[in-house]
Amino acid sequence: MKCPNCGTGDIELKRVMRPYDAGLPDILVDGLEHGECPSCGEVVSGVPRSLELGNMVLTAIIGKRSSLAANEIRYLRRSLGLKSSELGERLAVNEQQVSRWETGKRPMAAAADRLLRMLVAMEYDIAAPDLASIDHTLPTAPLPLHVELGRRGWKVVQPRAKTARAA
């Protein structure tokens, strides 16, 4: 592809694996595009089928079995385009409480957790999570996820198990 900055350099886009979002380091995406112009140094990045990927990540987060982690709460709020005060209004809590959840200082109440998941599902018209399967007694931890771009689109892949070497 021609460089959008100088128009002269040919940029070769390479497939790279990176975290989906700086706030979600446990969600790795293999299939992002990255390249640099050899003439001017302009960096070009791309996300193929970005809407599909975004919906897959949201579906995975709202469908996880344990309580939402602090970084996931922040990510979901931002994906809804809400300020902390606006999310607080929707969940009937104050802005300070939302901040405590997003910094991990306080766990999110089960009812608020479930309501946030439903708000995201409704906003993005994705399948509602099975609220009965959420176990708030499980340890709260960010969802580890590995997503890969295949011929038919994005798919969740299981991390490869490490094999024992023969002695």
Foldseek 3Di string as FASTA:
>chain_A
DADPPPRPFDWDWDWDKAAPDPLQRLEIETGKIWTAGPPPGDIDTGDPPVLVVVVVVLCCQLQDQEFAQLSRLVVLCVVVVHDLQVLCVVLVHGSVVNVCRNVVVDPDDLVSRLVSQVVSCVVSVHDRHPSVRHDHVDDHDRDRWYWYQDPVGIDTDDDDDDDDDDD
